[in-house]
Protein backbone atom coordinates (compact mmCIF):
# COMPACT_ATOMS: atom_id res chain seq x y z
CA MET A 1 3.63 -9.84 -3.08
CA TRP A 2 3.56 -7.40 -5.98
CA TYR A 3 4.42 -3.71 -5.89
CA GLY A 4 5.07 -3.36 -9.62
CA SER A 5 7.31 -5.32 -11.93
CA VAL A 6 9.88 -2.54 -12.36
CA VAL A 7 10.93 0.47 -10.33
CA SER A 8 12.52 3.41 -12.12
CA LEU A 9 15.00 5.41 -10.09
CA GLN A 10 16.33 8.52 -11.84
CA GLY A 11 15.64 6.99 -15.21
CA ASN A 12 17.11 3.54 -14.55
CA GLU A 13 14.82 0.52 -14.66
CA ARG A 14 15.34 -1.91 -11.82
CA PRO A 15 13.36 -5.15 -11.97
CA LEU A 16 11.65 -6.55 -8.91
CA ARG A 17 12.08 -10.01 -10.38
CA SER A 18 14.50 -9.72 -13.29
CA TYR A 19 13.70 -13.13 -14.70
CA GLN A 20 10.05 -12.14 -15.12
CA LEU A 21 10.93 -8.90 -16.89
CA LYS A 22 13.34 -10.68 -19.24
CA SER A 23 10.75 -13.33 -19.98
CA TRP A 24 8.15 -10.66 -20.68
CA ARG A 25 10.48 -8.81 -23.08
CA ARG A 26 11.53 -11.97 -24.87
CA LYS A 27 7.97 -13.15 -25.37
CA THR A 28 6.83 -9.68 -26.42
CA ARG A 29 9.58 -9.52 -29.06
CA LEU A 30 8.54 -12.92 -30.35
CA ALA A 31 4.92 -11.87 -30.51
CA ALA A 32 5.82 -8.68 -32.34
CA ALA A 33 8.17 -10.37 -34.80
CA GLY A 34 5.51 -10.32 -37.48
CA GLY A 35 5.17 -6.54 -37.36
CA MET A 36 4.11 -3.66 -35.16
CA GLY A 37 0.38 -3.72 -35.91
CA ASP A 38 -2.50 -4.05 -33.51
CA GLY A 39 -2.56 -7.81 -34.03
CA SER A 40 0.99 -8.14 -32.75
CA ARG A 41 0.17 -6.06 -29.72
CA ARG A 42 -2.84 -8.25 -29.01
CA ASP A 43 -0.60 -11.32 -29.30
CA ALA A 44 1.79 -9.81 -26.76
CA LEU A 45 -1.05 -9.09 -24.37
CA ARG A 46 -2.33 -12.66 -24.73
CA ILE A 47 1.15 -13.95 -23.83
CA LEU A 48 1.21 -11.73 -20.75
CA ALA A 49 -2.21 -13.00 -19.72
CA ALA A 50 -0.99 -16.59 -20.03
CA MET A 51 1.99 -16.13 -17.67
CA LYS A 52 1.54 -18.10 -14.46
CA ILE A 53 1.12 -16.40 -11.10
CA TYR A 54 3.37 -18.91 -9.36
CA THR A 55 7.10 -18.96 -10.08
CA ARG A 56 8.51 -21.47 -7.54
CA THR A 57 11.37 -19.05 -6.79
CA GLY A 58 10.19 -18.59 -3.22
CA ASP A 59 9.97 -22.26 -2.38
CA GLN A 60 13.17 -22.08 -0.32
CA GLY A 61 11.87 -19.30 1.90
CA GLN A 62 13.36 -16.34 0.05
CA THR A 63 11.87 -13.44 -1.87
CA GLY A 64 13.15 -10.65 -4.12
CA LEU A 65 13.38 -6.95 -3.34
CA PHE A 66 13.68 -4.13 -5.85
CA GLY A 67 17.14 -4.24 -7.33
CA GLY A 68 17.26 -8.03 -7.39
CA THR A 69 18.41 -8.63 -3.80
CA ARG A 70 17.24 -11.99 -2.42
CA VAL A 71 16.33 -12.07 1.27
CA SER A 72 14.56 -14.37 3.70
CA LYS A 73 10.79 -14.01 3.82
CA ALA A 74 11.33 -13.48 7.55
CA ASP A 75 13.50 -10.42 6.87
CA PRO A 76 12.31 -7.37 8.88
CA ARG A 77 11.87 -5.34 5.70
CA VAL A 78 9.63 -8.02 4.20
CA ALA A 79 7.67 -8.14 7.46
CA ALA A 80 7.22 -4.36 7.33
CA TYR A 81 5.78 -4.19 3.84
CA GLY A 82 3.79 -7.34 4.61
CA ASP A 83 2.08 -5.48 7.46
CA VAL A 84 1.40 -2.59 5.09
CA ASP A 85 -0.14 -5.03 2.63
CA GLU A 86 -2.30 -6.50 5.39
CA LEU A 87 -3.51 -3.01 6.28
CA ASN A 88 -4.37 -2.38 2.64
CA ALA A 89 -6.42 -5.59 2.57
CA CYS A 90 -8.20 -4.54 5.78
CA LEU A 91 -9.25 -1.29 4.13
CA GLY A 92 -10.51 -3.33 1.18
CA LEU A 93 -12.77 -5.19 3.62
CA VAL A 94 -14.05 -1.86 4.92
CA VAL A 95 -14.88 -0.71 1.39
CA ALA A 96 -16.68 -4.00 0.72
CA GLN A 97 -19.13 -3.28 3.55
CA GLY A 98 -20.63 -0.44 1.51
CA GLU A 99 -22.11 1.22 4.60
CA PHE A 100 -21.12 4.81 3.93
CA ALA A 101 -21.30 7.78 1.60
CA GLY A 102 -19.08 8.37 -1.41
CA ASP A 103 -16.69 10.73 0.39
CA VAL A 104 -15.53 7.90 2.67
CA THR A 105 -15.22 5.50 -0.26
CA ASP A 106 -13.04 8.00 -2.12
CA LEU A 107 -10.94 8.59 0.99
CA LEU A 108 -10.35 4.87 1.50
CA GLU A 109 -9.42 4.35 -2.15
CA GLN A 110 -6.79 7.09 -1.89
CA LEU A 111 -5.43 5.53 1.30
CA GLN A 112 -5.13 2.16 -0.45
CA LYS A 113 -3.17 3.77 -3.26
CA ASP A 114 -0.89 5.48 -0.75
CA LEU A 115 -0.29 2.17 1.04
CA PHE A 116 0.65 0.49 -2.21
CA ALA A 117 3.21 3.25 -2.80
CA ILE A 118 4.54 2.82 0.75
CA GLY A 119 4.92 -0.92 0.20
CA ALA A 120 6.87 -0.30 -2.99
CA ARG A 121 9.08 2.17 -1.17
CA LEU A 122 9.81 -0.29 1.63
CA ALA A 123 10.60 -3.03 -0.89
CA ASN A 124 13.44 -0.90 -2.27
CA PRO A 125 16.22 -1.03 0.35
CA GLY A 126 18.75 0.73 -1.87
CA ASP A 127 16.52 3.73 -2.52
CA ASN A 128 17.79 7.07 -1.24
CA PRO A 129 14.84 8.77 0.52
CA ASP A 130 16.01 12.13 -0.79
CA ARG A 131 15.51 11.06 -4.43
CA ARG A 132 12.21 10.69 -6.26
CA SER A 133 11.27 7.08 -7.00
CA THR A 134 8.60 5.86 -9.41
CA ILE A 135 7.18 2.55 -10.54
CA ASP A 136 7.16 1.50 -14.18
CA ASP A 137 4.14 3.55 -15.30
CA GLY A 138 5.43 6.76 -13.74
CA ARG A 139 3.42 6.74 -10.51
CA SER A 140 5.41 8.11 -7.60
CA THR A 141 6.21 6.03 -4.54
CA THR A 142 7.40 9.12 -2.65
CA ILE A 143 5.48 10.20 0.46
CA THR A 144 5.65 13.97 0.90
CA PRO A 145 4.65 16.53 3.57
CA ALA A 146 1.64 17.31 1.36
CA ASP A 147 0.43 13.72 1.79
CA VAL A 148 0.68 14.06 5.57
CA ALA A 149 -1.16 17.39 5.43
CA ARG A 150 -3.93 15.69 3.44
CA LEU A 151 -4.42 13.18 6.26
CA GLU A 152 -4.53 15.94 8.85
CA ASP A 153 -7.12 17.81 6.80
CA TRP A 154 -9.32 14.71 6.68
CA ILE A 155 -8.94 14.26 10.45
CA ASP A 156 -9.98 17.86 11.11
CA ARG A 157 -13.01 17.64 8.82
CA LEU A 158 -14.24 14.37 10.31
CA GLU A 159 -13.71 15.51 13.89
CA ALA A 160 -15.84 18.59 13.19
CA GLU A 161 -18.94 16.37 12.81
CA LEU A 162 -18.29 14.28 15.93
CA PRO A 163 -19.16 14.84 19.59
CA PRO A 164 -16.14 15.54 21.79
CA LEU A 165 -14.36 12.43 23.03
CA ARG A 166 -14.17 12.56 26.82
CA ARG A 167 -13.53 8.91 27.65
CA PHE A 168 -11.86 5.90 26.07
CA ILE A 169 -14.24 3.92 23.88
CA LEU A 170 -14.42 0.22 23.07
CA PRO A 171 -13.70 -0.77 19.46
CA GLY A 172 -16.90 -1.82 17.74
CA GLY A 173 -20.08 -0.37 16.29
CA SER A 174 -21.15 -1.14 12.74
CA ARG A 175 -19.28 -3.72 10.68
CA ALA A 176 -17.41 -1.00 8.82
CA GLY A 177 -16.71 0.91 12.03
CA ALA A 178 -15.38 -2.19 13.80
CA LEU A 179 -13.17 -3.04 10.81
CA LEU A 180 -11.77 0.49 10.82
CA HIS A 181 -10.90 0.12 14.52
CA PHE A 182 -9.19 -3.17 13.64
CA SER A 183 -7.40 -1.49 10.72
CA ARG A 184 -6.03 1.09 13.15
CA THR A 185 -4.36 -1.66 15.19
CA VAL A 186 -2.85 -3.18 12.03
CA CYS A 187 -1.60 0.29 11.11
CA ARG A 188 0.14 0.59 14.48
CA ARG A 189 1.78 -2.79 13.94
CA ALA A 190 2.97 -1.70 10.50
CA GLU A 191 4.35 1.48 12.04
CA ARG A 192 6.30 -0.50 14.64
CA ALA A 193 7.71 -2.76 11.92
CA ILE A 194 8.76 0.22 9.79
CA VAL A 195 10.41 2.04 12.71
CA SER A 196 12.28 -1.16 13.62
CA LEU A 197 14.16 -0.90 10.31
CA GLY A 198 15.94 2.17 11.68
CA MET A 199 15.08 5.80 11.05
CA ASP A 200 18.25 6.16 8.95
CA HIS A 201 16.93 3.55 6.52
CA VAL A 202 13.36 4.80 6.09
CA ASP A 203 11.98 7.99 4.60
CA GLU A 204 11.05 10.32 7.48
CA HIS A 205 7.82 11.45 5.83
CA LEU A 206 6.77 7.83 5.35
CA VAL A 207 7.00 7.23 9.11
CA ILE A 208 5.07 10.41 9.84
CA TYR A 209 2.40 9.42 7.31
CA VAL A 210 1.83 5.99 8.88
CA ASN A 211 1.70 7.53 12.35
CA ARG A 212 -0.91 10.03 11.23
CA LEU A 213 -2.84 7.36 9.34
CA SER A 214 -3.62 5.45 12.54
CA ASP A 215 -5.12 8.66 13.98
CA LEU A 216 -7.22 9.09 10.85
CA LEU A 217 -8.49 5.51 10.99
CA PHE A 218 -9.60 6.00 14.60
CA VAL A 219 -11.48 9.20 13.75
CA LEU A 220 -12.90 7.59 10.61
CA ALA A 221 -14.20 4.63 12.65
CA ARG A 222 -15.98 7.07 14.95
CA ALA A 223 -17.38 9.04 12.01
CA VAL A 224 -18.69 5.93 10.23
CA ASN A 225 -20.39 4.75 13.43
CA HIS A 226 -21.79 8.21 14.11
CA ARG A 227 -23.25 8.51 10.61
CA SER A 228 -24.89 5.09 10.92
CA GLY A 229 -26.41 5.91 14.30
CA GLN A 230 -24.23 3.45 16.24
CA PRO A 231 -23.60 4.61 19.84
CA GLU A 232 -20.10 4.51 21.29
CA THR A 233 -19.48 2.27 24.29
CA PRO A 234 -17.27 3.98 26.90
CA TRP A 235 -14.67 2.03 28.82
């Protein structure tokens, strides 16, 4: 899976797959050998577009983490960011339903971006949680208390438009609502996988964020169903 070709930690580039980065640089230099004009840049971009998606380096059951470490694809850390990736894909399915207003679409897009950052963070076992980490274009992979507060604000706003919950409800409702309930269960699985890595090896705010995210997805499922007129089925 891809969480960016290079992670930059305090100014030092660290390739996710060093052979790909070296190949990219070599081919870019070759493409630019004729000069630094727009034509050379276009040549470099065409070379990038022609690079194959498969590399055969994982055929023996291993994958690469940030920093170049090779581990089994069954490694707990790989399983953790794999669950995060699955959750991200689930939210993509929710967005594809197109059953809701723009505020929910914007919310889900931000959540997907956050999950991508979390995946990148988890794929970097050597990263010190106390230091800021970014991917190659400068986007941060750090989860902060402000990110958690943003989730709590969304929960409070959505709950304000819902009837009080007095009984357990069955997952379901509209297609988008049912998928959000399902996404919540995937989020809980991702949380369990992350916690299993050991709290000393994971950013504290990242764990808090994922915990709060499952609450948000539950409330969001209720809100989407409520807005679409779908009744809740009590247990």
